[in-house]
Amino acid sequence: RDSAKGRDLAANPRAAAVFWWEGTNRQVRVSGAVAPVDDAESDAYWASRPVGHQLAARASAQGEPVDDRPSLEAQVEAMRSRFGPDGPVPRPPSWGGYRLTAEVVELWESREDRLHDRIEYQRRPDGGWDRRRLQP
């Protein structure tokens, strides 16, 4: 949550995600509000990750400059010495997940001559969805 992405989401808690399936020439785009997940959910996900991933996450200030690869590896080794090779490794307070709540979902399918199919669903205040076709 201290990374550039975390700072961006703190300043503007909205995001979009695109899922592309090259083999089918289809994609889904989801956009909406983003909120941090609670500590219990972050703890559960952290505990499911391999110890090596936990050590690397503890050692790394995500997205910040590092002098070189050996420096990064030394930071991980310092965490391994601190917590042991098998853990447990406590979750850092700044490490946690985010939840994107879909407000708009667009289904896109490539078609010949760029006449792609685009279907958009927008969430209504009552929780239902409105559907409309978009031009390519």
C-alpha atoms as a PDB file:
ATOM      1  CA  ARG A   1       0.000   0.000   0.000  1.00  0.00           C
ATOM      2  CA  ASP A   2       3.096   2.206   0.164  1.00  0.00           C
ATOM      3  CA  SER A   3       3.893   1.557  -3.522  1.00  0.00           C
ATOM      4  CA  ALA A   4       3.130   4.028  -6.311  1.00  0.00           C
ATOM      5  CA  LYS A   5      -0.024   2.046  -7.076  1.00  0.00           C
ATOM      6  CA  GLY A   6      -1.101   2.171  -3.430  1.00  0.00           C
ATOM      7  CA  ARG A   7      -0.490   5.920  -3.272  1.00  0.00           C
ATOM      8  CA  ASP A   8      -2.428   6.391  -6.516  1.00  0.00           C
ATOM      9  CA  LEU A   9      -5.368   4.400  -5.150  1.00  0.00           C
ATOM     10  CA  ALA A  10      -5.326   6.373  -1.901  1.00  0.00           C
ATOM     11  CA  ALA A  11      -5.574   9.612  -3.905  1.00  0.00           C
ATOM     12  CA  ASN A  12      -8.093   8.295  -6.456  1.00  0.00           C
ATOM     13  CA  PRO A  13      -9.792   5.047  -5.354  1.00  0.00           C
ATOM     14  CA  ARG A  14     -10.989   4.036  -8.825  1.00  0.00           C
ATOM     15  CA  ALA A  15      -9.484   1.568 -11.282  1.00  0.00           C
ATOM     16  CA  ALA A  16     -10.044  -0.580 -14.328  1.00  0.00           C
ATOM     17  CA  ALA A  17      -8.802  -4.045 -15.209  1.00  0.00           C
ATOM     18  CA  VAL A  18      -8.677  -5.698 -18.624  1.00  0.00           C
ATOM     19  CA  PHE A  19      -8.625  -9.457 -19.191  1.00  0.00           C
ATOM     20  CA  TRP A  20      -7.556 -10.431 -22.734  1.00  0.00           C
ATOM     21  CA  TRP A  21      -7.882 -13.903 -24.261  1.00  0.00           C
ATOM     22  CA  GLU A  22      -5.779 -13.858 -27.431  1.00  0.00           C
ATOM     23  CA  GLY A  23      -6.885 -17.303 -28.606  1.00  0.00           C
ATOM     24  CA  THR A  24     -10.527 -16.203 -28.750  1.00  0.00           C
ATOM     25  CA  ASN A  25      -9.962 -12.519 -29.647  1.00  0.00           C
ATOM     26  CA  ARG A  26     -12.091 -11.482 -26.691  1.00  0.00           C
ATOM     27  CA  GLN A  27     -11.593  -9.268 -23.687  1.00  0.00           C
ATOM     28  CA  VAL A  28     -13.439  -8.072 -20.623  1.00  0.00           C
ATOM     29  CA  ARG A  29     -12.923  -4.648 -19.077  1.00  0.00           C
ATOM     30  CA  VAL A  30     -14.111  -3.998 -15.525  1.00  0.00           C
ATOM     31  CA  SER A  31     -14.057  -0.565 -13.875  1.00  0.00           C
ATOM     32  CA  GLY A  32     -15.269   0.850 -10.606  1.00  0.00           C
ATOM     33  CA  ALA A  33     -14.435   1.860  -7.074  1.00  0.00           C
ATOM     34  CA  VAL A  34     -11.486   0.314  -5.243  1.00  0.00           C
ATOM     35  CA  ALA A  35     -11.126  -0.181  -1.499  1.00  0.00           C
ATOM     36  CA  PRO A  36      -8.513  -1.925   0.630  1.00  0.00           C
ATOM     37  CA  VAL A  37      -9.566  -5.322   1.937  1.00  0.00           C
ATOM     38  CA  ASP A  38      -9.617  -5.697   5.717  1.00  0.00           C
ATOM     39  CA  ASP A  39      -6.665  -6.963   7.716  1.00  0.00           C
ATOM     40  CA  ALA A  40      -8.187 -10.411   8.278  1.00  0.00           C
ATOM     41  CA  GLU A  41      -8.507 -11.027   4.533  1.00  0.00           C
ATOM     42  CA  SER A  42      -5.004  -9.655   3.896  1.00  0.00           C
ATOM     43  CA  ASP A  43      -3.639 -11.907   6.673  1.00  0.00           C
ATOM     44  CA  ALA A  44      -5.332 -14.974   5.176  1.00  0.00           C
ATOM     45  CA  TYR A  45      -3.953 -14.277   1.706  1.00  0.00           C
ATOM     46  CA  TRP A  46      -0.483 -13.528   3.121  1.00  0.00           C
ATOM     47  CA  ALA A  47      -0.507 -16.856   4.988  1.00  0.00           C
ATOM     48  CA  SER A  48      -1.370 -18.714   1.758  1.00  0.00           C
ATOM     49  CA  ARG A  49       1.739 -17.440  -0.028  1.00  0.00           C
ATOM     50  CA  PRO A  50       5.026 -19.380  -0.045  1.00  0.00           C
ATOM     51  CA  VAL A  51       7.563 -18.273   2.589  1.00  0.00           C
ATOM     52  CA  GLY A  52       9.974 -17.181  -0.162  1.00  0.00           C
ATOM     53  CA  HIS A  53       7.355 -14.775  -1.489  1.00  0.00           C
ATOM     54  CA  GLN A  54       6.725 -13.450   2.006  1.00  0.00           C
ATOM     55  CA  LEU A  55      10.443 -12.865   2.587  1.00  0.00           C
ATOM     56  CA  ALA A  56      10.782 -11.060  -0.747  1.00  0.00           C
ATOM     57  CA  ALA A  57       7.754  -8.888   0.025  1.00  0.00           C
ATOM     58  CA  ARG A  58       9.157  -7.994   3.454  1.00  0.00           C
ATOM     59  CA  ALA A  59      12.542  -7.162   1.930  1.00  0.00           C
ATOM     60  CA  SER A  60      11.304  -5.080  -0.980  1.00  0.00           C
ATOM     61  CA  ALA A  61      10.026  -1.508  -0.982  1.00  0.00           C
ATOM     62  CA  GLN A  62       7.893  -2.225  -4.049  1.00  0.00           C
ATOM     63  CA  GLY A  63       8.636   0.027  -7.004  1.00  0.00           C
ATOM     64  CA  GLU A  64      11.410   1.959  -5.269  1.00  0.00           C
ATOM     65  CA  PRO A  65      14.904   2.123  -6.808  1.00  0.00           C
ATOM     66  CA  VAL A  66      17.532  -0.423  -5.791  1.00  0.00           C
ATOM     67  CA  ASP A  67      21.241  -0.166  -6.584  1.00  0.00           C
ATOM     68  CA  ASP A  68      21.567  -3.596  -8.164  1.00  0.00           C
ATOM     69  CA  ARG A  69      20.415  -7.208  -8.030  1.00  0.00           C
ATOM     70  CA  PRO A  70      22.950  -8.229  -5.328  1.00  0.00           C
ATOM     71  CA  SER A  71      21.600  -5.466  -3.052  1.00  0.00           C
ATOM     72  CA  LEU A  72      18.053  -6.789  -3.490  1.00  0.00           C
ATOM     73  CA  GLU A  73      19.179 -10.353  -2.812  1.00  0.00           C
ATOM     74  CA  ALA A  74      21.033  -9.162   0.308  1.00  0.00           C
ATOM     75  CA  GLN A  75      17.811  -7.556   1.569  1.00  0.00           C
ATOM     76  CA  VAL A  76      16.000 -10.878   1.136  1.00  0.00           C
ATOM     77  CA  GLU A  77      18.798 -12.748   2.926  1.00  0.00           C
ATOM     78  CA  ALA A  78      18.543 -10.267   5.826  1.00  0.00           C
ATOM     79  CA  MET A  79      14.835 -11.127   6.123  1.00  0.00           C
ATOM     80  CA  ARG A  80      15.631 -14.859   5.922  1.00  0.00           C
ATOM     81  CA  SER A  81      18.130 -14.405   8.783  1.00  0.00           C
ATOM     82  CA  ARG A  82      15.591 -12.427  10.786  1.00  0.00           C
ATOM     83  CA  PHE A  83      12.590 -14.759  10.347  1.00  0.00           C
ATOM     84  CA  GLY A  84      14.242 -18.072   9.446  1.00  0.00           C
ATOM     85  CA  PRO A  85      14.001 -20.000   6.187  1.00  0.00           C
ATOM     86  CA  ASP A  86      10.637 -21.542   7.104  1.00  0.00           C
ATOM     87  CA  GLY A  87       8.956 -18.553   8.779  1.00  0.00           C
ATOM     88  CA  PRO A  88       6.578 -17.627  10.108  1.00  0.00           C
ATOM     89  CA  VAL A  89       6.965 -14.243   8.426  1.00  0.00           C
ATOM     90  CA  PRO A  90       4.549 -11.612   9.767  1.00  0.00           C
ATOM     91  CA  ARG A  91       2.617  -9.588   7.208  1.00  0.00           C
ATOM     92  CA  PRO A  92       3.934  -6.023   6.976  1.00  0.00           C
ATOM     93  CA  PRO A  93       1.281  -3.423   7.889  1.00  0.00           C
ATOM     94  CA  SER A  94       1.609  -1.814   4.448  1.00  0.00           C
ATOM     95  CA  TRP A  95       0.987  -5.107   2.594  1.00  0.00           C
ATOM     96  CA  GLY A  96      -2.604  -5.784   1.687  1.00  0.00           C
ATOM     97  CA  GLY A  97      -5.080  -6.344  -1.052  1.00  0.00           C
ATOM     98  CA  TYR A  98      -7.624  -4.196  -2.798  1.00  0.00           C
ATOM     99  CA  ARG A  99     -11.106  -5.002  -4.035  1.00  0.00           C
ATOM    100  CA  LEU A 100     -12.429  -3.584  -7.291  1.00  0.00           C
ATOM    101  CA  THR A 101     -16.223  -3.330  -7.186  1.00  0.00           C
ATOM    102  CA  ALA A 102     -17.530  -3.564 -10.728  1.00  0.00           C
ATOM    103  CA  GLU A 103     -19.638  -0.604 -11.806  1.00  0.00           C
ATOM    104  CA  VAL A 104     -19.118  -1.046 -15.551  1.00  0.00           C
ATOM    105  CA  VAL A 105     -18.296  -4.278 -17.378  1.00  0.00           C
ATOM    106  CA  GLU A 106     -17.586  -4.310 -21.100  1.00  0.00           C
ATOM    107  CA  LEU A 107     -17.434  -7.501 -23.154  1.00  0.00           C
ATOM    108  CA  TRP A 108     -15.484  -7.073 -26.399  1.00  0.00           C
ATOM    109  CA  GLU A 109     -15.096  -9.509 -29.279  1.00  0.00           C
ATOM    110  CA  SER A 110     -13.003  -8.908 -32.375  1.00  0.00           C
ATOM    111  CA  ARG A 111     -14.904  -9.080 -35.644  1.00  0.00           C
ATOM    112  CA  GLU A 112     -13.926  -8.805 -39.296  1.00  0.00           C
ATOM    113  CA  ASP A 113     -13.315  -5.316 -40.738  1.00  0.00           C
ATOM    114  CA  ARG A 114     -13.109  -3.852 -37.224  1.00  0.00           C
ATOM    115  CA  LEU A 115     -16.857  -4.159 -36.667  1.00  0.00           C
ATOM    116  CA  HIS A 116     -16.181  -5.503 -33.196  1.00  0.00           C
ATOM    117  CA  ASP A 117     -18.957  -6.491 -30.821  1.00  0.00           C
ATOM    118  CA  ARG A 118     -18.967  -4.385 -27.663  1.00  0.00           C
ATOM    119  CA  ILE A 119     -21.574  -4.968 -24.999  1.00  0.00           C
ATOM    120  CA  GLU A 120     -21.500  -2.813 -21.860  1.00  0.00           C
ATOM    121  CA  TYR A 121     -23.228  -3.485 -18.554  1.00  0.00           C
ATOM    122  CA  GLN A 122     -23.641  -0.609 -16.087  1.00  0.00           C
ATOM    123  CA  ARG A 123     -24.659  -1.254 -12.500  1.00  0.00           C
ATOM    124  CA  ARG A 124     -27.818   0.517 -11.392  1.00  0.00           C
ATOM    125  CA  PRO A 125     -28.266   1.944  -7.871  1.00  0.00           C
ATOM    126  CA  ASP A 126     -30.598  -0.987  -7.063  1.00  0.00           C
ATOM    127  CA  GLY A 127     -27.777  -3.460  -7.839  1.00  0.00           C
ATOM    128  CA  GLY A 128     -29.190  -4.576 -11.189  1.00  0.00           C
ATOM    129  CA  TRP A 129     -27.506  -4.039 -14.533  1.00  0.00           C
ATOM    130  CA  ASP A 130     -28.378  -2.056 -17.650  1.00  0.00           C
ATOM    131  CA  ARG A 131     -27.102  -3.462 -20.947  1.00  0.00           C
ATOM    132  CA  ARG A 132     -26.268  -1.567 -24.100  1.00  0.00           C
ATOM    133  CA  ARG A 133     -24.368  -2.148 -27.319  1.00  0.00           C
ATOM    134  CA  LEU A 134     -21.451   0.197 -28.076  1.00  0.00           C
ATOM    135  CA  GLN A 135     -20.056   1.126 -31.455  1.00  0.00           C
ATOM    136  CA  PRO A 136     -16.644  -0.328 -32.236  1.00  0.00           C
END
